[in-house]
Amino acid sequence: MQPDYWNEACQYLSEKDNILSEIIAEHDGEFLDSNSDALHSLTRAIVGQQISVKASQAIWNRLETLLGSFTVENILSADQDKLREAGLSRPKIKYVRSIADNFQNGTVDPSKFSDLSDEELIIILCKIKGIGRWTAEMFLMFHQQRPDVFPLDDLGIKKAIKRHYNSEEYALISDDWKPYRTVASWFLWRSLDSEAVTY
């Protein structure tokens, strides 16, 4: 589902930034899509940690075949060897199970997320084993569809800014994109990959 701010953000960014304007025009009609299930989104972000979009998708496809659906029960009951065969490293298996545990015992309650600021939600998510700031930011962008998240440590974002702006002043450049840094980031990713990034 397209975020309600998307069209306004595209127009705003196109007027503010000529480079982004060209990228947005090349991908006219495309938008950041959200998965409505919080467990699914967090699990996918763990899978995508420190690997390419293509590799992440391949592992995800195998996990979908293995698990059927991403429920707490299916994740916790899955055979560890089969998860490894699907492409998950041992640490990522622990992280995925840690997320499922936190959902199961109620430590993480998605029904309360909308009441929290970006930073408050990041702090809560980072208490879960395996979730760092980058993973929490992916969740805010793709599940929560928060409009102004900028994943400063994302390698793809850094690569895109170096390529398009010939600069490593990532934070400084991103200041011009407020309050729509999520949208700017998504289009920068899109400029690098033939497939849209999703979590």
Protein backbone atom coordinates (compact mmCIF):
# COMPACT_ATOMS: atom_id res chain seq x y z
CA MET A 1 0.00 0.00 0.00
CA GLN A 2 1.39 3.38 -1.00
CA PRO A 3 2.15 5.71 1.94
CA ASP A 4 -0.29 8.61 2.07
CA TYR A 5 2.58 11.12 1.97
CA TRP A 6 4.35 9.55 -1.05
CA ASN A 7 3.17 11.79 -3.90
CA GLU A 8 3.67 14.94 -1.87
CA ALA A 9 7.16 13.76 -0.89
CA CYS A 10 8.12 12.99 -4.48
CA GLN A 11 7.08 16.47 -5.59
CA TYR A 12 8.89 18.09 -2.66
CA LEU A 13 12.14 16.19 -3.25
CA SER A 14 12.01 16.76 -7.01
CA GLU A 15 11.78 20.51 -6.42
CA LYS A 16 14.56 20.50 -3.82
CA ASP A 17 17.10 18.20 -5.48
CA ASN A 18 17.79 17.92 -9.21
CA ILE A 19 19.58 14.57 -8.84
CA LEU A 20 16.70 13.01 -6.95
CA SER A 21 14.30 14.57 -9.42
CA GLU A 22 15.85 12.53 -12.23
CA ILE A 23 15.85 9.30 -10.20
CA ILE A 24 12.23 9.79 -9.17
CA ALA A 25 11.22 10.45 -12.79
CA GLU A 26 12.94 7.24 -13.90
CA HIS A 27 10.80 5.27 -11.44
CA ASP A 28 7.56 7.16 -11.82
CA GLY A 29 4.64 5.35 -10.22
CA GLU A 30 6.78 3.16 -7.97
CA PHE A 31 6.60 3.39 -4.21
CA LEU A 32 7.74 1.85 -0.95
CA ASP A 33 5.44 -1.04 -0.15
CA SER A 34 4.67 -2.19 3.37
CA ASN A 35 4.14 -5.62 4.88
CA SER A 36 1.36 -5.38 7.43
CA ASP A 37 2.84 -8.07 9.67
CA ALA A 38 5.44 -6.84 12.17
CA LEU A 39 7.04 -10.26 12.74
CA HIS A 40 7.41 -10.81 8.99
CA SER A 41 9.01 -7.38 8.53
CA LEU A 42 11.52 -7.71 11.38
CA THR A 43 12.47 -11.23 10.29
CA ARG A 44 13.07 -10.01 6.76
CA ALA A 45 15.27 -7.18 8.03
CA ILE A 46 17.40 -9.71 9.93
CA VAL A 47 17.76 -11.82 6.78
CA GLY A 48 18.89 -8.75 4.86
CA GLN A 49 21.62 -7.70 7.29
CA GLN A 50 25.01 -7.19 5.59
CA ILE A 51 24.14 -8.97 2.34
CA SER A 52 22.99 -7.84 -1.09
CA VAL A 53 19.35 -7.40 -2.08
CA LYS A 54 19.65 -10.35 -4.48
CA ALA A 55 21.17 -12.68 -1.86
CA SER A 56 18.60 -11.61 0.70
CA GLN A 57 15.72 -12.38 -1.68
CA ALA A 58 17.12 -15.82 -2.48
CA ILE A 59 17.36 -16.75 1.21
CA TRP A 60 13.92 -15.31 1.87
CA ASN A 61 12.37 -17.40 -0.89
CA ARG A 62 13.87 -20.57 0.63
CA LEU A 63 12.62 -19.60 4.10
CA GLU A 64 9.11 -19.05 2.76
CA THR A 65 9.19 -22.54 1.26
CA LEU A 66 10.48 -24.00 4.52
CA LEU A 67 8.21 -22.18 6.97
CA GLY A 68 5.08 -21.72 4.90
CA SER A 69 4.17 -18.61 6.86
CA PHE A 70 6.16 -16.47 9.27
CA THR A 71 4.40 -17.18 12.52
CA VAL A 72 5.97 -17.33 15.97
CA GLU A 73 5.16 -21.03 16.17
CA ASN A 74 6.67 -21.89 12.78
CA ILE A 75 9.87 -19.98 13.48
CA LEU A 76 10.41 -21.47 16.94
CA SER A 77 9.65 -25.03 15.83
CA ALA A 78 11.77 -24.92 12.65
CA ASP A 79 14.72 -27.31 12.51
CA GLN A 80 18.00 -25.41 12.88
CA ASP A 81 19.78 -27.49 10.23
CA LYS A 82 17.03 -26.73 7.72
CA LEU A 83 17.26 -23.02 8.53
CA ARG A 84 21.00 -23.25 7.86
CA GLU A 85 20.33 -25.03 4.57
CA ALA A 86 18.01 -22.17 3.62
CA GLY A 87 20.93 -19.78 4.02
CA LEU A 88 20.64 -18.37 7.52
CA SER A 89 23.86 -18.14 9.50
CA ARG A 90 23.89 -19.45 13.06
CA PRO A 91 23.80 -15.91 14.54
CA LYS A 92 20.86 -14.95 12.32
CA ILE A 93 18.98 -18.07 13.40
CA LYS A 94 19.43 -16.95 17.02
CA TYR A 95 18.26 -13.45 16.15
CA VAL A 96 15.15 -14.61 14.29
CA ARG A 97 14.23 -16.88 17.18
CA SER A 98 14.88 -14.06 19.66
CA ILE A 99 12.39 -11.87 17.79
CA ALA A 100 9.81 -14.67 17.83
CA ASP A 101 10.38 -15.17 21.57
CA ASN A 102 9.80 -11.49 22.26
CA PHE A 103 6.57 -11.53 20.27
CA GLN A 104 5.42 -14.68 22.03
CA ASN A 105 6.04 -13.43 25.57
CA GLY A 106 4.61 -9.99 24.89
CA THR A 107 7.83 -8.04 25.40
CA VAL A 108 7.23 -6.59 21.95
CA ASP A 109 3.69 -5.34 21.39
CA PRO A 110 3.10 -4.02 17.86
CA SER A 111 -0.26 -2.54 18.86
CA LYS A 112 1.62 0.16 20.80
CA PHE A 113 4.10 1.09 18.07
CA SER A 114 2.02 3.87 16.51
CA ASP A 115 2.07 5.77 19.81
CA LEU A 116 5.87 5.90 19.88
CA SER A 117 8.24 8.37 18.26
CA ASP A 118 10.84 7.08 15.81
CA GLU A 119 13.57 7.18 18.43
CA GLU A 120 11.42 5.59 21.15
CA LEU A 121 10.58 2.68 18.87
CA ILE A 122 14.22 2.25 17.82
CA ILE A 123 15.25 2.03 21.49
CA ILE A 124 12.64 -0.66 22.20
CA LEU A 125 13.55 -2.74 19.15
CA CYS A 126 17.28 -2.52 19.84
CA LYS A 127 16.73 -4.31 23.16
CA ILE A 128 15.98 -7.48 21.17
CA LYS A 129 19.03 -9.65 20.51
CA GLY A 130 20.22 -9.21 16.95
CA ILE A 131 18.44 -5.93 16.28
CA GLY A 132 20.68 -2.91 15.93
CA ARG A 133 19.87 0.56 14.77
CA TRP A 134 19.97 -0.33 11.04
CA THR A 135 17.47 -3.17 11.44
CA ALA A 136 15.19 -0.98 13.54
CA GLU A 137 15.38 1.76 10.90
CA MET A 138 14.41 -0.71 8.17
CA PHE A 139 11.40 -1.66 10.27
CA LEU A 140 10.39 1.98 10.74
CA MET A 141 10.71 2.64 7.03
CA PHE A 142 9.10 -0.46 5.58
CA HIS A 143 6.62 -1.66 8.19
CA GLN A 144 5.72 1.56 9.96
CA GLN A 145 6.20 3.70 6.82
CA ARG A 146 7.62 6.54 8.89
CA PRO A 147 8.40 9.38 6.44
CA ASP A 148 11.67 10.79 7.76
CA VAL A 149 14.05 7.92 8.57
CA PHE A 150 17.62 8.12 7.26
CA PRO A 151 19.71 4.93 7.69
CA LEU A 152 23.10 6.63 7.91
CA ASP A 153 25.05 3.36 8.19
CA ASP A 154 23.42 1.67 5.21
CA LEU A 155 26.04 0.63 2.65
CA GLY A 156 23.64 1.03 -0.27
CA ILE A 157 22.77 4.58 0.73
CA LYS A 158 26.46 5.46 1.04
CA LYS A 159 27.22 3.93 -2.33
CA ALA A 160 24.36 5.81 -4.01
CA ILE A 161 25.33 9.17 -2.49
CA LYS A 162 28.96 8.68 -3.53
CA ARG A 163 27.86 7.81 -7.05
CA HIS A 164 25.26 10.53 -7.58
CA TYR A 165 26.66 13.37 -5.46
CA ASN A 166 30.38 12.57 -5.53
CA SER A 167 30.46 13.15 -1.78
CA GLU A 168 30.78 11.31 1.52
CA GLU A 169 28.93 14.00 3.50
CA TYR A 170 25.97 11.66 3.89
CA ALA A 171 24.23 13.32 6.83
CA LEU A 172 24.77 16.82 5.50
CA ILE A 173 23.33 15.98 2.09
CA SER A 174 20.35 14.23 3.68
CA ASP A 175 19.42 17.36 5.64
CA ASP A 176 17.94 18.82 2.44
CA TRP A 177 15.55 15.89 2.20
CA LYS A 178 13.80 16.41 5.54
CA PRO A 179 11.00 15.65 6.33
CA TYR A 180 11.00 12.92 3.66
CA ARG A 181 14.33 11.16 4.07
CA THR A 182 12.64 7.75 3.92
CA VAL A 183 11.44 8.51 0.40
CA ALA A 184 14.82 9.88 -0.69
CA SER A 185 16.55 6.77 0.69
CA TRP A 186 14.16 4.44 -1.10
CA PHE A 187 14.81 6.10 -4.45
CA LEU A 188 18.57 6.02 -3.86
CA TRP A 189 18.32 2.26 -3.29
CA ARG A 190 16.15 2.01 -6.37
CA SER A 191 18.85 3.71 -8.43
CA LEU A 192 21.25 0.87 -7.59
CA ASP A 193 19.10 -2.25 -7.86
CA SER A 194 16.92 -3.67 -10.60
CA GLU A 195 14.52 -4.88 -7.92
CA ALA A 196 12.89 -2.64 -5.33
CA VAL A 197 14.17 -3.00 -1.77
CA THR A 198 11.66 -4.46 0.64
CA TYR A 199 11.62 -5.60 4.26
